[in-house]
Amino acid sequence: MSFTEVTAEFAYSEGEGDRTLESWRHEHRKYYTRVLAVRGESFDEASLVVAESFELLNPKRAPKV
């Protein structure tokens, strides 16, 4: 999916910042811009990103935080 297709639900589930899509885009825009610059590339909001989620299958074995 493109950067602009990431949903508010995904941004919330990632749990970073204030969990809003606006915050997610702001922070990830900075990250992708920085990382791609090292490679001599530039960030474009049409760029493809991987947004994957995981499901905890055995919560009894989850580490205690």
N, C-alpha and C. Protein backbone atom coordinates (compact mmCIF):
# COMPACT_ATOMS: atom_id res chain seq x y z
N MET A 1 0.84 -1.17 0.00
CA MET A 1 0.00 0.00 0.00
C MET A 1 0.89 1.23 0.00
N SER A 2 0.34 2.34 -0.46
CA SER A 2 1.13 3.58 -0.43
C SER A 2 1.08 4.19 0.97
N PHE A 3 2.02 5.08 1.22
CA PHE A 3 2.08 5.77 2.51
C PHE A 3 0.73 6.40 2.85
N THR A 4 0.08 6.99 1.88
CA THR A 4 -1.19 7.68 2.12
C THR A 4 -2.36 6.73 2.36
N GLU A 5 -2.18 5.45 2.06
CA GLU A 5 -3.25 4.47 2.27
C GLU A 5 -3.26 3.87 3.68
N VAL A 6 -2.23 4.14 4.46
CA VAL A 6 -2.21 3.63 5.84
C VAL A 6 -3.41 4.23 6.58
N THR A 7 -4.13 3.40 7.29
CA THR A 7 -5.37 3.83 7.93
C THR A 7 -5.16 4.33 9.36
N ALA A 8 -6.15 5.06 9.82
CA ALA A 8 -6.15 5.53 11.21
C ALA A 8 -6.17 4.34 12.16
N GLU A 9 -6.86 3.29 11.80
CA GLU A 9 -6.92 2.09 12.64
C GLU A 9 -5.54 1.47 12.80
N PHE A 10 -4.79 1.42 11.68
CA PHE A 10 -3.45 0.86 11.77
C PHE A 10 -2.55 1.75 12.64
N ALA A 11 -2.62 3.05 12.41
CA ALA A 11 -1.81 3.99 13.20
C ALA A 11 -2.11 3.82 14.69
N TYR A 12 -3.37 3.70 15.04
CA TYR A 12 -3.76 3.51 16.43
C TYR A 12 -3.19 2.20 16.98
N SER A 13 -3.31 1.14 16.19
CA SER A 13 -2.86 -0.18 16.66
C SER A 13 -1.35 -0.25 16.85
N GLU A 14 -0.61 0.59 16.14
CA GLU A 14 0.84 0.59 16.29
C GLU A 14 1.25 1.11 17.66
N GLY A 15 0.40 1.95 18.26
CA GLY A 15 0.59 2.36 19.65
C GLY A 15 1.65 3.40 19.91
N GLU A 16 2.11 4.10 18.90
CA GLU A 16 3.14 5.12 19.11
C GLU A 16 2.54 6.51 19.18
N GLY A 17 3.28 7.42 19.82
CA GLY A 17 2.83 8.80 19.90
C GLY A 17 1.45 8.91 20.52
N ASP A 18 0.63 9.76 19.95
CA ASP A 18 -0.74 9.91 20.48
C ASP A 18 -1.73 8.99 19.76
N ARG A 19 -1.20 8.08 18.95
CA ARG A 19 -1.95 7.04 18.25
C ARG A 19 -2.85 7.57 17.13
N THR A 20 -2.67 8.83 16.72
CA THR A 20 -3.48 9.36 15.63
C THR A 20 -2.77 9.13 14.29
N LEU A 21 -3.55 9.13 13.23
CA LEU A 21 -2.98 8.99 11.89
C LEU A 21 -2.07 10.18 11.59
N GLU A 22 -2.45 11.36 12.02
CA GLU A 22 -1.62 12.55 11.79
C GLU A 22 -0.25 12.39 12.44
N SER A 23 -0.22 11.92 13.67
CA SER A 23 1.04 11.70 14.37
C SER A 23 1.85 10.60 13.69
N TRP A 24 1.19 9.52 13.31
CA TRP A 24 1.87 8.42 12.62
C TRP A 24 2.53 8.92 11.34
N ARG A 25 1.77 9.67 10.53
CA ARG A 25 2.33 10.18 9.27
C ARG A 25 3.49 11.13 9.51
N HIS A 26 3.34 12.01 10.49
CA HIS A 26 4.40 12.97 10.79
C HIS A 26 5.71 12.25 11.14
N GLU A 27 5.64 11.31 12.07
CA GLU A 27 6.84 10.61 12.53
C GLU A 27 7.42 9.70 11.46
N HIS A 28 6.57 9.00 10.72
CA HIS A 28 7.07 8.10 9.70
C HIS A 28 7.58 8.85 8.47
N ARG A 29 7.01 10.00 8.18
CA ARG A 29 7.52 10.86 7.11
C ARG A 29 8.96 11.27 7.43
N LYS A 30 9.21 11.67 8.69
CA LYS A 30 10.57 12.04 9.11
C LYS A 30 11.51 10.84 8.98
N TYR A 31 11.04 9.67 9.44
CA TYR A 31 11.87 8.46 9.40
C TYR A 31 12.23 8.08 7.96
N TYR A 32 11.23 7.97 7.11
CA TYR A 32 11.49 7.55 5.72
C TYR A 32 12.35 8.57 4.99
N THR A 33 12.15 9.85 5.25
CA THR A 33 12.96 10.89 4.62
C THR A 33 14.42 10.72 5.02
N ARG A 34 14.66 10.49 6.31
CA ARG A 34 16.03 10.33 6.82
C ARG A 34 16.69 9.07 6.26
N VAL A 35 15.99 7.95 6.29
CA VAL A 35 16.56 6.68 5.84
C VAL A 35 16.83 6.69 4.34
N LEU A 36 15.89 7.20 3.58
CA LEU A 36 16.07 7.21 2.13
C LEU A 36 17.17 8.18 1.70
N ALA A 37 17.34 9.28 2.44
CA ALA A 37 18.39 10.25 2.10
C ALA A 37 19.77 9.60 2.15
N VAL A 38 19.98 8.70 3.10
CA VAL A 38 21.25 7.99 3.22
C VAL A 38 21.52 7.18 1.95
N ARG A 39 20.47 6.71 1.32
CA ARG A 39 20.59 5.90 0.09
C ARG A 39 20.58 6.76 -1.17
N GLY A 40 20.52 8.08 -0.99
CA GLY A 40 20.48 8.97 -2.14
C GLY A 40 19.11 9.04 -2.79
N GLU A 41 18.09 8.64 -2.05
CA GLU A 41 16.73 8.66 -2.57
C GLU A 41 15.90 9.66 -1.80
N SER A 42 14.73 9.96 -2.32
CA SER A 42 13.86 10.91 -1.61
C SER A 42 12.52 10.24 -1.32
N PHE A 43 11.89 10.72 -0.28
CA PHE A 43 10.59 10.19 0.14
C PHE A 43 9.48 10.85 -0.66
N ASP A 44 8.50 10.05 -1.03
CA ASP A 44 7.32 10.52 -1.73
C ASP A 44 6.13 9.84 -1.08
N GLU A 45 5.07 10.57 -0.83
CA GLU A 45 3.92 9.98 -0.14
C GLU A 45 3.22 8.90 -0.96
N ALA A 46 3.57 8.76 -2.22
CA ALA A 46 3.05 7.66 -3.03
C ALA A 46 3.92 6.41 -2.87
N SER A 47 5.02 6.54 -2.12
CA SER A 47 5.92 5.40 -1.90
C SER A 47 5.17 4.26 -1.22
N LEU A 48 5.56 3.05 -1.57
CA LEU A 48 4.95 1.87 -0.97
C LEU A 48 5.56 1.60 0.40
N VAL A 49 4.72 1.21 1.34
CA VAL A 49 5.17 0.83 2.68
C VAL A 49 4.51 -0.50 3.04
N VAL A 50 5.11 -1.18 3.98
CA VAL A 50 4.54 -2.42 4.50
C VAL A 50 3.94 -2.10 5.86
N ALA A 51 2.65 -2.37 6.01
CA ALA A 51 1.96 -2.14 7.28
C ALA A 51 1.39 -3.49 7.71
N GLU A 52 2.09 -4.14 8.60
CA GLU A 52 1.63 -5.46 9.02
C GLU A 52 1.35 -5.49 10.51
N SER A 53 0.42 -6.33 10.87
CA SER A 53 0.02 -6.50 12.27
C SER A 53 0.22 -7.96 12.65
N PHE A 54 0.37 -8.16 13.94
CA PHE A 54 0.55 -9.51 14.46
C PHE A 54 -0.48 -9.77 15.53
N GLU A 55 -0.87 -11.01 15.63
CA GLU A 55 -1.83 -11.42 16.65
C GLU A 55 -1.11 -12.29 17.67
N LEU A 56 -1.25 -11.97 18.93
CA LEU A 56 -0.66 -12.76 20.00
C LEU A 56 -1.50 -14.01 20.18
N LEU A 57 -0.93 -15.17 19.92
CA LEU A 57 -1.68 -16.41 19.96
C LEU A 57 -1.70 -17.06 21.33
N ASN A 58 -0.70 -16.81 22.15
CA ASN A 58 -0.65 -17.42 23.46
C ASN A 58 -0.35 -16.35 24.50
N PRO A 59 -1.37 -15.60 24.90
CA PRO A 59 -1.12 -14.49 25.82
C PRO A 59 -0.58 -14.91 27.18
N LYS A 60 -0.76 -16.15 27.58
CA LYS A 60 -0.25 -16.61 28.87
C LYS A 60 1.27 -16.64 28.89
N ARG A 61 1.88 -16.72 27.70
CA ARG A 61 3.33 -16.76 27.62
C ARG A 61 3.92 -15.41 27.30
N ALA A 62 3.11 -14.39 27.24
CA ALA A 62 3.60 -13.05 26.92
C ALA A 62 4.48 -12.53 28.04
N PRO A 63 5.55 -11.83 27.69
CA PRO A 63 6.41 -11.26 28.73
C PRO A 63 5.66 -10.20 29.52
N LYS A 64 5.95 -10.14 30.81
CA LYS A 64 5.29 -9.14 31.67
C LYS A 64 6.04 -7.82 31.52
N VAL A 65 5.28 -6.76 31.36
CA VAL A 65 5.86 -5.44 31.18
C VAL A 65 5.73 -4.64 32.45
